[in-house]
Protein backbone atom coordinates (compact mmCIF):
# COMPACT_ATOMS: atom_id res chain seq x y z
CA UNK A 1 -37.09 -8.79 -15.39
CA UNK A 2 -36.99 -12.37 -16.48
CA UNK A 3 -36.61 -14.79 -13.92
CA UNK A 4 -32.95 -15.76 -15.32
CA UNK A 5 -31.73 -12.21 -15.70
CA UNK A 6 -33.12 -11.84 -11.89
CA UNK A 7 -30.95 -14.95 -10.99
CA UNK A 8 -27.94 -13.49 -12.58
CA UNK A 9 -28.53 -10.37 -10.97
CA UNK A 10 -29.21 -12.15 -7.48
CA UNK A 11 -25.61 -14.42 -8.07
CA UNK A 12 -23.92 -11.26 -8.95
CA UNK A 13 -25.03 -9.53 -6.00
CA UNK A 14 -24.51 -12.35 -3.59
CA UNK A 15 -20.74 -12.63 -5.50
CA UNK A 16 -20.03 -9.17 -4.61
CA UNK A 17 -21.28 -9.46 -0.55
CA UNK A 18 -18.69 -12.66 -0.61
CA UNK A 19 -16.06 -10.55 -1.64
CA UNK A 20 -16.27 -7.71 0.30
CA UNK A 21 -16.62 -9.98 2.86
CA UNK A 22 -12.92 -11.25 1.85
CA UNK A 23 -11.85 -7.89 1.12
CA UNK A 24 -12.52 -6.76 4.57
CA UNK A 25 -10.62 -10.09 6.00
CA UNK A 26 -8.03 -9.16 4.15
CA UNK A 27 -7.66 -5.45 5.24
CA UNK A 28 -7.96 -6.44 8.82
CA UNK A 29 -5.15 -8.67 8.26
CA UNK A 30 -3.12 -5.91 6.22
CA UNK A 31 -4.00 -2.98 9.46
CA UNK A 32 -2.26 -5.40 11.62
CA UNK A 33 1.05 -5.57 9.39
CA UNK A 34 1.17 -2.42 8.54
CA UNK A 35 1.11 -1.89 12.40
CA UNK A 36 3.52 -4.25 13.37
CA UNK A 37 5.86 -3.35 10.74
CA UNK A 38 5.65 0.44 11.67
CA UNK A 39 6.67 -0.96 15.67
CA UNK A 40 9.24 -2.57 13.83
CA UNK A 41 10.70 0.26 12.02
CA UNK A 42 10.90 2.39 15.02
CA UNK A 43 8.66 2.18 18.51
CA UNK A 44 5.85 3.85 18.46
CA UNK A 45 5.92 4.80 14.92
CA UNK A 46 1.95 5.52 13.91
CA UNK A 47 1.00 3.03 10.79
CA UNK A 48 0.25 6.80 8.73
CA UNK A 49 4.26 7.52 9.01
CA UNK A 50 5.21 3.85 7.86
CA UNK A 51 2.76 4.08 5.01
CA UNK A 52 4.47 7.56 4.06
CA UNK A 53 8.00 5.95 3.90
CA UNK A 54 6.65 3.05 2.09
CA UNK A 55 4.93 5.22 -0.72
CA UNK A 56 8.48 7.06 -0.46
CA UNK A 57 10.39 4.44 -1.06
CA UNK A 58 8.39 2.82 -3.91
CA UNK A 59 7.74 6.04 -5.80
CA UNK A 60 10.14 8.63 -4.21
CA UNK A 61 11.84 10.87 -4.76
CA UNK A 62 8.88 13.08 -3.65
CA UNK A 63 7.38 16.38 -3.26
CA UNK A 64 5.35 16.73 0.24
CA UNK A 65 2.43 17.59 -2.57
CA UNK A 66 2.61 14.37 -4.57
CA UNK A 67 3.19 12.31 -1.25
CA UNK A 68 -0.25 13.81 -0.10
CA UNK A 69 -1.80 13.33 -3.69
CA UNK A 70 -0.98 9.63 -3.72
CA UNK A 71 -1.92 8.97 0.29
CA UNK A 72 -5.19 11.25 -0.36
CA UNK A 73 -3.53 12.37 3.02
CA UNK A 74 -3.63 15.67 5.25
CA UNK A 75 -0.53 17.85 3.95
CA UNK A 76 0.23 18.78 7.50
CA UNK A 77 0.05 14.99 9.11
CA UNK A 78 2.40 14.18 6.31
CA UNK A 79 4.72 17.36 7.23
CA UNK A 80 5.17 16.04 10.77
CA UNK A 81 5.62 12.41 9.68
CA UNK A 82 8.45 13.17 7.24
CA UNK A 83 9.49 15.24 9.94
CA UNK A 84 10.08 12.43 12.53
CA UNK A 85 10.94 9.79 9.75
CA UNK A 86 13.84 12.64 9.05
CA UNK A 87 14.75 13.22 12.71
CA UNK A 88 15.36 9.05 12.72
CA UNK A 89 17.78 9.25 9.59
CA UNK A 90 15.01 7.43 7.53
CA UNK A 91 14.51 10.17 4.76
CA UNK A 92 16.17 13.25 3.48
CA UNK A 93 14.69 16.41 2.00
CA UNK A 94 16.64 18.32 -0.70
CA UNK A 95 15.57 21.16 -2.92
CA UNK A 96 13.69 19.97 -5.93
CA UNK A 97 15.62 20.79 -9.21
CA UNK A 98 12.17 21.42 -11.04
CA UNK A 99 10.86 23.68 -8.33
CA UNK A 100 13.13 25.99 -5.81
CA UNK A 101 10.17 26.52 -3.40
CA UNK A 102 9.58 22.73 -3.42
CA UNK A 103 11.90 19.84 -1.73
CA UNK A 104 12.21 16.30 -2.73
CA UNK A 105 11.84 13.36 -0.08
CA UNK A 106 14.08 10.49 -0.27
CA UNK A 107 14.39 7.31 1.95
CA UNK A 108 18.10 6.81 3.31
CA UNK A 109 19.58 3.64 3.07
CA UNK A 110 19.07 3.45 6.22
CA UNK A 111 15.75 4.09 5.76
CA UNK A 112 15.35 1.16 3.26
CA UNK A 113 16.98 -1.17 5.44
CA UNK A 114 14.47 -0.58 8.35
CA UNK A 115 11.80 -1.35 5.44
CA UNK A 116 13.03 -4.41 4.11
CA UNK A 117 13.58 -5.85 8.22
CA UNK A 118 9.87 -4.58 8.90
CA UNK A 119 8.28 -6.28 5.97
CA UNK A 120 10.00 -9.76 5.88
CA UNK A 121 7.94 -11.39 8.11
CA UNK A 122 4.99 -10.58 6.18
CA UNK A 123 6.47 -11.07 3.39
CA UNK A 124 7.37 -14.74 4.06
CA UNK A 125 3.95 -15.09 5.38
CA UNK A 126 2.33 -14.15 1.79
CA UNK A 127 5.18 -16.45 0.19
CA UNK A 128 4.21 -19.25 2.42
CA UNK A 129 0.47 -18.77 1.77
CA UNK A 130 0.77 -19.12 -1.90
CA UNK A 131 3.30 -21.82 -1.83
CA UNK A 132 1.40 -24.27 -3.42
CA UNK A 133 -0.51 -21.15 -6.15
CA UNK A 134 0.60 -21.69 -9.75
CA UNK A 135 2.74 -18.62 -10.54
CA UNK A 136 -0.06 -18.17 -13.13
CA UNK A 137 -2.81 -17.66 -10.58
CA UNK A 138 -0.45 -15.13 -8.44
CA UNK A 139 -0.44 -13.42 -11.63
CA UNK A 140 -3.88 -13.50 -12.31
CA UNK A 141 -5.01 -12.27 -9.11
CA UNK A 142 -2.53 -9.69 -9.57
CA UNK A 143 -4.09 -8.91 -13.00
CA UNK A 144 -7.86 -9.34 -11.09
CA UNK A 145 -7.16 -6.96 -8.10
CA UNK A 146 -5.12 -4.19 -10.39
CA UNK A 147 -8.24 -3.99 -12.71
CA UNK A 148 -10.09 -3.65 -9.39
CA UNK A 149 -8.14 -0.71 -8.51
CA UNK A 150 -7.96 1.45 -11.16
CA UNK A 151 -11.83 0.31 -11.98
CA UNK A 152 -11.43 -1.51 -15.11
CA UNK A 153 -12.68 -4.68 -16.57
CA UNK A 154 -9.90 -7.13 -16.27
CA UNK A 155 -8.71 -8.58 -19.67
CA UNK A 156 -8.99 -12.13 -20.50
CA UNK A 157 -5.60 -13.16 -21.54
């Protein structure tokens, strides 16, 4: 390997390590956000239950199997979480018209309101943190993160 190639490889390794460190910081902040938001939805709510509610809100109505697949989570745990959310009046389960054996999980109006209230403090923090960013930079970051999440090379457009 040439010195130039070696330097480029070392630069790439260092850049990836710096990115990993930044992601670690971001994940710590995100975990705190999820814990605080879960607590605002219902005192004592587990972060995983909050995540289930959030995913159903964003992608629902969903079957328990589809929710488990989307979250890469255990169906038994999710079933208990959905039962908790149902008892709180935050979700409902109705028969799936495409499969009589399944039930569709949907977020209620109360669930949507509690989610919005729980997210509001953190959404304003993100907005404030990016107040001086250009819209193009925000959109570019979104594009890069999506490409990373799905394992694709980002487009240069």
